[in-house]
Amino acid sequence: MIKVAIIIGSTRPGRNGEAVARWVYDLAVKRDDAEFELVDLKDFDLPHLDEVMPAAMGRYSHPHTRAWAAKIASFDAYVFVTPEYNHSTSGALKNAIDFLYAEWNNKAAGFVSYGSNGGTRAVEHLRLVMGELQVADVRAQVALSLFTDFENFSVLNPSAQQEDAATAMLDQVVAWGQALCPLRK
């Protein structure tokens, strides 16, 4: 059975990402085709990229990088929960992604975004990054609007159609995560 990380892509105080990730996790754990785990960037306290060697070399000098690498390497697929800040993803998520290279390769990724326009521009940027990391990103995604899927812009209350979108995205992430297993061996 494959393992899927649901990565909370914001470290901002008062962030909506934790509630969004928990909603995705609660939907995911009802499934019996994969194991799911919440991964919170806040728990890793990654500084601004501080490794001397490029990530593609795989020679990590700091304990925080080695801990992050071990966590990410343990998964077969990822669901990135990202806010949209200034038409892109959060700096914290981009920084965390950039710390590593091989740990991401030949895996699958799906996206759950949130923002005034559903966070879709953040996902557009992440798709470009995933391509460079040899991650197969799936088409189905969840785009939560701060205007219609949150009360007062802060309390998550997604519509039923969002649950359908999350299910479709999880179906694709699990299928692609399984399909890529031979490439990871």
C-alpha atoms as a PDB file:
ATOM      1  CA  MET A   1       0.000   0.000   0.000  1.00  0.00           C
ATOM      2  CA  ILE A   2       1.394   3.393  -0.922  1.00  0.00           C
ATOM      3  CA  LYS A   3       1.942   6.244   1.524  1.00  0.00           C
ATOM      4  CA  VAL A   4       0.641   9.733   0.751  1.00  0.00           C
ATOM      5  CA  ALA A   5       1.708  12.907   2.556  1.00  0.00           C
ATOM      6  CA  ILE A   6      -0.769  15.738   2.909  1.00  0.00           C
ATOM      7  CA  ILE A   7       1.605  18.687   3.217  1.00  0.00           C
ATOM      8  CA  ILE A   8       0.454  21.877   4.932  1.00  0.00           C
ATOM      9  CA  GLY A   9       2.132  24.495   2.749  1.00  0.00           C
ATOM     10  CA  SER A  10       1.881  27.559   4.984  1.00  0.00           C
ATOM     11  CA  THR A  11       3.558  28.486   8.250  1.00  0.00           C
ATOM     12  CA  ARG A  12       1.788  31.823   8.627  1.00  0.00           C
ATOM     13  CA  PRO A  13       0.130  32.516  12.003  1.00  0.00           C
ATOM     14  CA  GLY A  14      -3.649  32.219  11.669  1.00  0.00           C
ATOM     15  CA  ARG A  15      -3.270  30.182   8.474  1.00  0.00           C
ATOM     16  CA  ASN A  16      -6.240  28.419   6.891  1.00  0.00           C
ATOM     17  CA  GLY A  17      -4.000  25.632   5.598  1.00  0.00           C
ATOM     18  CA  GLU A  18      -4.176  23.496   8.707  1.00  0.00           C
ATOM     19  CA  ALA A  19      -7.997  23.314   8.618  1.00  0.00           C
ATOM     20  CA  VAL A  20      -7.923  22.617   4.878  1.00  0.00           C
ATOM     21  CA  ALA A  21      -5.338  19.854   5.292  1.00  0.00           C
ATOM     22  CA  ARG A  22      -7.311  18.259   8.134  1.00  0.00           C
ATOM     23  CA  TRP A  23     -10.439  18.301   5.952  1.00  0.00           C
ATOM     24  CA  VAL A  24      -8.518  16.529   3.164  1.00  0.00           C
ATOM     25  CA  TYR A  25      -7.026  14.091   5.677  1.00  0.00           C
ATOM     26  CA  ASP A  26     -10.467  13.269   7.131  1.00  0.00           C
ATOM     27  CA  LEU A  27     -11.714  12.447   3.624  1.00  0.00           C
ATOM     28  CA  ALA A  28      -8.572  10.488   2.756  1.00  0.00           C
ATOM     29  CA  VAL A  29      -8.452   8.208   5.782  1.00  0.00           C
ATOM     30  CA  LYS A  30     -11.873   6.798   4.869  1.00  0.00           C
ATOM     31  CA  ARG A  31     -10.149   5.161   1.894  1.00  0.00           C
ATOM     32  CA  ASP A  32      -8.536   1.728   1.991  1.00  0.00           C
ATOM     33  CA  ASP A  33      -6.185   2.089  -0.999  1.00  0.00           C
ATOM     34  CA  ALA A  34      -3.394   4.108   0.657  1.00  0.00           C
ATOM     35  CA  GLU A  35      -2.018   5.339   3.966  1.00  0.00           C
ATOM     36  CA  PHE A  36      -2.217   9.076   4.599  1.00  0.00           C
ATOM     37  CA  GLU A  37      -0.238  11.321   6.928  1.00  0.00           C
ATOM     38  CA  LEU A  38      -0.378  15.035   7.667  1.00  0.00           C
ATOM     39  CA  VAL A  39       2.997  16.740   7.273  1.00  0.00           C
ATOM     40  CA  ASP A  40       3.222  20.262   8.663  1.00  0.00           C
ATOM     41  CA  LEU A  41       6.054  22.484   7.462  1.00  0.00           C
ATOM     42  CA  LYS A  42       5.971  24.217  10.857  1.00  0.00           C
ATOM     43  CA  ASP A  43       7.226  21.005  12.483  1.00  0.00           C
ATOM     44  CA  PHE A  44      10.476  21.124  10.490  1.00  0.00           C
ATOM     45  CA  ASP A  45      11.449  24.752  11.145  1.00  0.00           C
ATOM     46  CA  LEU A  46      13.394  24.964   7.898  1.00  0.00           C
ATOM     47  CA  PRO A  47      15.429  28.161   7.547  1.00  0.00           C
ATOM     48  CA  HIS A  48      15.744  29.908   4.230  1.00  0.00           C
ATOM     49  CA  LEU A  49      17.617  27.421   2.047  1.00  0.00           C
ATOM     50  CA  ASP A  50      21.002  27.054   3.742  1.00  0.00           C
ATOM     51  CA  GLU A  51      22.605  24.020   2.100  1.00  0.00           C
ATOM     52  CA  VAL A  52      25.894  24.729   0.341  1.00  0.00           C
ATOM     53  CA  MET A  53      25.564  21.937  -2.218  1.00  0.00           C
ATOM     54  CA  PRO A  54      22.688  21.840  -4.745  1.00  0.00           C
ATOM     55  CA  ALA A  55      19.859  19.530  -3.680  1.00  0.00           C
ATOM     56  CA  ALA A  56      20.403  17.344  -6.753  1.00  0.00           C
ATOM     57  CA  MET A  57      23.747  16.267  -5.257  1.00  0.00           C
ATOM     58  CA  GLY A  58      21.957  14.744  -2.241  1.00  0.00           C
ATOM     59  CA  ARG A  59      24.748  15.771   0.149  1.00  0.00           C
ATOM     60  CA  TYR A  60      22.905  17.414   3.010  1.00  0.00           C
ATOM     61  CA  SER A  61      25.009  19.011   5.730  1.00  0.00           C
ATOM     62  CA  HIS A  62      22.343  20.114   8.217  1.00  0.00           C
ATOM     63  CA  PRO A  63      20.248  17.960  10.565  1.00  0.00           C
ATOM     64  CA  HIS A  64      17.063  19.857   9.599  1.00  0.00           C
ATOM     65  CA  THR A  65      17.631  18.977   5.944  1.00  0.00           C
ATOM     66  CA  ARG A  66      18.316  15.325   6.712  1.00  0.00           C
ATOM     67  CA  ALA A  67      15.137  15.115   8.830  1.00  0.00           C
ATOM     68  CA  TRP A  68      13.078  16.762   6.068  1.00  0.00           C
ATOM     69  CA  ALA A  69      14.652  14.480   3.439  1.00  0.00           C
ATOM     70  CA  ALA A  70      13.887  11.341   5.459  1.00  0.00           C
ATOM     71  CA  LYS A  71      10.261  12.388   5.924  1.00  0.00           C
ATOM     72  CA  ILE A  72       9.684  13.231   2.254  1.00  0.00           C
ATOM     73  CA  ALA A  73      11.522  10.119   1.021  1.00  0.00           C
ATOM     74  CA  SER A  74       9.164   7.933   3.065  1.00  0.00           C
ATOM     75  CA  PHE A  75       6.187   8.774   0.823  1.00  0.00           C
ATOM     76  CA  ASP A  76       5.066   7.601  -2.610  1.00  0.00           C
ATOM     77  CA  ALA A  77       2.827  10.581  -3.365  1.00  0.00           C
ATOM     78  CA  TYR A  78       1.889  13.996  -2.039  1.00  0.00           C
ATOM     79  CA  VAL A  79      -1.089  16.291  -1.702  1.00  0.00           C
ATOM     80  CA  PHE A  80       0.118  19.866  -1.425  1.00  0.00           C
ATOM     81  CA  VAL A  81      -2.238  22.175   0.464  1.00  0.00           C
ATOM     82  CA  THR A  82      -1.246  25.644  -0.646  1.00  0.00           C
ATOM     83  CA  PRO A  83      -2.471  29.168  -0.140  1.00  0.00           C
ATOM     84  CA  GLU A  84      -2.186  31.690  -2.925  1.00  0.00           C
ATOM     85  CA  TYR A  85      -0.015  34.614  -1.889  1.00  0.00           C
ATOM     86  CA  ASN A  86       0.561  37.262  -4.563  1.00  0.00           C
ATOM     87  CA  HIS A  87      -0.417  34.929  -7.424  1.00  0.00           C
ATOM     88  CA  SER A  88       1.893  32.129  -6.264  1.00  0.00           C
ATOM     89  CA  THR A  89       2.437  29.563  -3.539  1.00  0.00           C
ATOM     90  CA  SER A  90       3.867  30.421  -0.128  1.00  0.00           C
ATOM     91  CA  GLY A  91       7.558  31.118   0.204  1.00  0.00           C
ATOM     92  CA  ALA A  92       7.708  28.521   2.983  1.00  0.00           C
ATOM     93  CA  LEU A  93       6.422  25.750   0.696  1.00  0.00           C
ATOM     94  CA  LYS A  94       8.695  26.703  -2.203  1.00  0.00           C
ATOM     95  CA  ASN A  95      11.657  26.805   0.161  1.00  0.00           C
ATOM     96  CA  ALA A  96      10.806  23.368   1.609  1.00  0.00           C
ATOM     97  CA  ILE A  97      10.473  21.883  -1.864  1.00  0.00           C
ATOM     98  CA  ASP A  98      13.804  23.382  -2.949  1.00  0.00           C
ATOM     99  CA  PHE A  99      15.712  21.765  -0.068  1.00  0.00           C
ATOM    100  CA  LEU A 100      15.417  18.362  -1.774  1.00  0.00           C
ATOM    101  CA  TYR A 101      15.584  16.722  -5.172  1.00  0.00           C
ATOM    102  CA  ALA A 102      15.827  12.918  -5.434  1.00  0.00           C
ATOM    103  CA  GLU A 103      13.371  12.437  -2.567  1.00  0.00           C
ATOM    104  CA  TRP A 104      10.617  13.882  -4.801  1.00  0.00           C
ATOM    105  CA  ASN A 105      11.488  11.983  -8.007  1.00  0.00           C
ATOM    106  CA  ASN A 106       9.099   9.509  -9.674  1.00  0.00           C
ATOM    107  CA  LYS A 107       6.216  10.202  -7.346  1.00  0.00           C
ATOM    108  CA  ALA A 108       2.763  11.696  -7.793  1.00  0.00           C
ATOM    109  CA  ALA A 109       1.280  14.954  -6.548  1.00  0.00           C
ATOM    110  CA  GLY A 110      -2.131  16.518  -6.249  1.00  0.00           C
ATOM    111  CA  PHE A 111      -3.103  19.997  -5.126  1.00  0.00           C
ATOM    112  CA  VAL A 112      -5.619  21.612  -2.831  1.00  0.00           C
ATOM    113  CA  SER A 113      -5.429  25.385  -2.994  1.00  0.00           C
ATOM    114  CA  TYR A 114      -7.251  28.238  -1.370  1.00  0.00           C
ATOM    115  CA  GLY A 115      -7.421  31.958  -1.933  1.00  0.00           C
ATOM    116  CA  SER A 116      -9.596  34.727  -3.301  1.00  0.00           C
ATOM    117  CA  ASN A 117      -9.614  33.017  -6.713  1.00  0.00           C
ATOM    118  CA  GLY A 118      -9.355  29.500  -5.343  1.00  0.00           C
ATOM    119  CA  GLY A 119      -5.568  29.532  -5.290  1.00  0.00           C
ATOM    120  CA  THR A 120      -5.312  28.277  -8.848  1.00  0.00           C
ATOM    121  CA  ARG A 121      -2.349  30.490  -9.752  1.00  0.00           C
ATOM    122  CA  ALA A 122      -0.359  28.991  -6.871  1.00  0.00           C
ATOM    123  CA  VAL A 123      -1.026  25.549  -8.325  1.00  0.00           C
ATOM    124  CA  GLU A 124       0.042  26.700 -11.799  1.00  0.00           C
ATOM    125  CA  HIS A 125       3.432  27.608 -10.364  1.00  0.00           C
ATOM    126  CA  LEU A 126       3.715  24.387  -8.384  1.00  0.00           C
ATOM    127  CA  ARG A 127       2.999  22.325 -11.498  1.00  0.00           C
ATOM    128  CA  LEU A 128       6.055  23.854 -13.174  1.00  0.00           C
ATOM    129  CA  VAL A 129       8.198  23.039 -10.151  1.00  0.00           C
ATOM    130  CA  MET A 130       6.889  19.463  -9.993  1.00  0.00           C
ATOM    131  CA  GLY A 131       7.885  18.891 -13.609  1.00  0.00           C
ATOM    132  CA  GLU A 132      11.485  19.833 -12.826  1.00  0.00           C
ATOM    133  CA  LEU A 133      11.479  17.440  -9.844  1.00  0.00           C
ATOM    134  CA  GLN A 134      10.181  14.528 -11.956  1.00  0.00           C
ATOM    135  CA  VAL A 135       6.874  14.480 -10.067  1.00  0.00           C
ATOM    136  CA  ALA A 136       3.757  13.468 -11.985  1.00  0.00           C
ATOM    137  CA  ASP A 137       1.110  16.001 -11.048  1.00  0.00           C
ATOM    138  CA  VAL A 138      -2.498  14.965 -11.522  1.00  0.00           C
ATOM    139  CA  ARG A 139      -5.108  17.001 -13.348  1.00  0.00           C
ATOM    140  CA  ALA A 140      -7.896  16.916 -10.751  1.00  0.00           C
ATOM    141  CA  GLN A 141      -7.494  19.549  -8.070  1.00  0.00           C
ATOM    142  CA  VAL A 142      -9.430  21.338  -5.369  1.00  0.00           C
ATOM    143  CA  ALA A 143      -9.679  25.133  -5.512  1.00  0.00           C
ATOM    144  CA  LEU A 144     -11.285  26.590  -2.393  1.00  0.00           C
ATOM    145  CA  SER A 145     -12.546  30.163  -2.554  1.00  0.00           C
ATOM    146  CA  LEU A 146     -12.141  32.335   0.515  1.00  0.00           C
ATOM    147  CA  PHE A 147     -15.477  33.901  -0.477  1.00  0.00           C
ATOM    148  CA  THR A 148     -17.632  30.782  -0.853  1.00  0.00           C
ATOM    149  CA  ASP A 149     -15.857  27.928   0.957  1.00  0.00           C
ATOM    150  CA  PHE A 150     -14.981  29.808   4.140  1.00  0.00           C
ATOM    151  CA  GLU A 151     -17.083  31.763   6.611  1.00  0.00           C
ATOM    152  CA  ASN A 152     -15.580  35.171   7.366  1.00  0.00           C
ATOM    153  CA  PHE A 153     -12.543  34.148   5.270  1.00  0.00           C
ATOM    154  CA  SER A 154     -11.303  31.933   8.094  1.00  0.00           C
ATOM    155  CA  VAL A 155     -13.675  29.071   8.979  1.00  0.00           C
ATOM    156  CA  LEU A 156     -13.640  26.284   6.409  1.00  0.00           C
ATOM    157  CA  ASN A 157     -17.102  25.273   5.199  1.00  0.00           C
ATOM    158  CA  PRO A 158     -16.576  23.689   1.765  1.00  0.00           C
ATOM    159  CA  SER A 159     -19.469  22.967  -0.549  1.00  0.00           C
ATOM    160  CA  ALA A 160     -20.386  19.377  -1.458  1.00  0.00           C
ATOM    161  CA  GLN A 161     -18.824  19.813  -4.894  1.00  0.00           C
ATOM    162  CA  GLN A 162     -15.458  20.397  -3.191  1.00  0.00           C
ATOM    163  CA  GLU A 163     -15.650  16.975  -1.560  1.00  0.00           C
ATOM    164  CA  ASP A 164     -16.268  15.475  -5.003  1.00  0.00           C
ATOM    165  CA  ALA A 165     -13.236  17.357  -6.349  1.00  0.00           C
ATOM    166  CA  ALA A 166     -11.094  16.122  -3.438  1.00  0.00           C
ATOM    167  CA  THR A 167     -12.194  12.543  -4.039  1.00  0.00           C
ATOM    168  CA  ALA A 168     -11.330  12.785  -7.740  1.00  0.00           C
ATOM    169  CA  MET A 169      -7.925  14.274  -6.916  1.00  0.00           C
ATOM    170  CA  LEU A 170      -7.195  11.561  -4.332  1.00  0.00           C
ATOM    171  CA  ASP A 171      -8.277   8.862  -6.804  1.00  0.00           C
ATOM    172  CA  GLN A 172      -5.741  10.170  -9.316  1.00  0.00           C
ATOM    173  CA  VAL A 173      -2.934  10.684  -6.776  1.00  0.00           C
ATOM    174  CA  VAL A 174      -3.280   7.126  -5.475  1.00  0.00           C
ATOM    175  CA  ALA A 175      -3.484   5.633  -8.983  1.00  0.00           C
ATOM    176  CA  TRP A 176      -0.429   7.550 -10.209  1.00  0.00           C
ATOM    177  CA  GLY A 177       1.476   6.896  -6.975  1.00  0.00           C
ATOM    178  CA  GLN A 178       0.913   3.163  -7.487  1.00  0.00           C
ATOM    179  CA  ALA A 179       1.717   3.308 -11.198  1.00  0.00           C
ATOM    180  CA  LEU A 180       5.074   4.963 -10.563  1.00  0.00           C
ATOM    181  CA  CYS A 181       6.215   2.323  -8.047  1.00  0.00           C
ATOM    182  CA  PRO A 182       8.386   0.454 -10.619  1.00  0.00           C
ATOM    183  CA  LEU A 183      10.328   3.656 -11.347  1.00  0.00           C
ATOM    184  CA  ARG A 184      11.149   4.114  -7.662  1.00  0.00           C
ATOM    185  CA  LYS A 185      12.687   0.677  -7.263  1.00  0.00           C
END
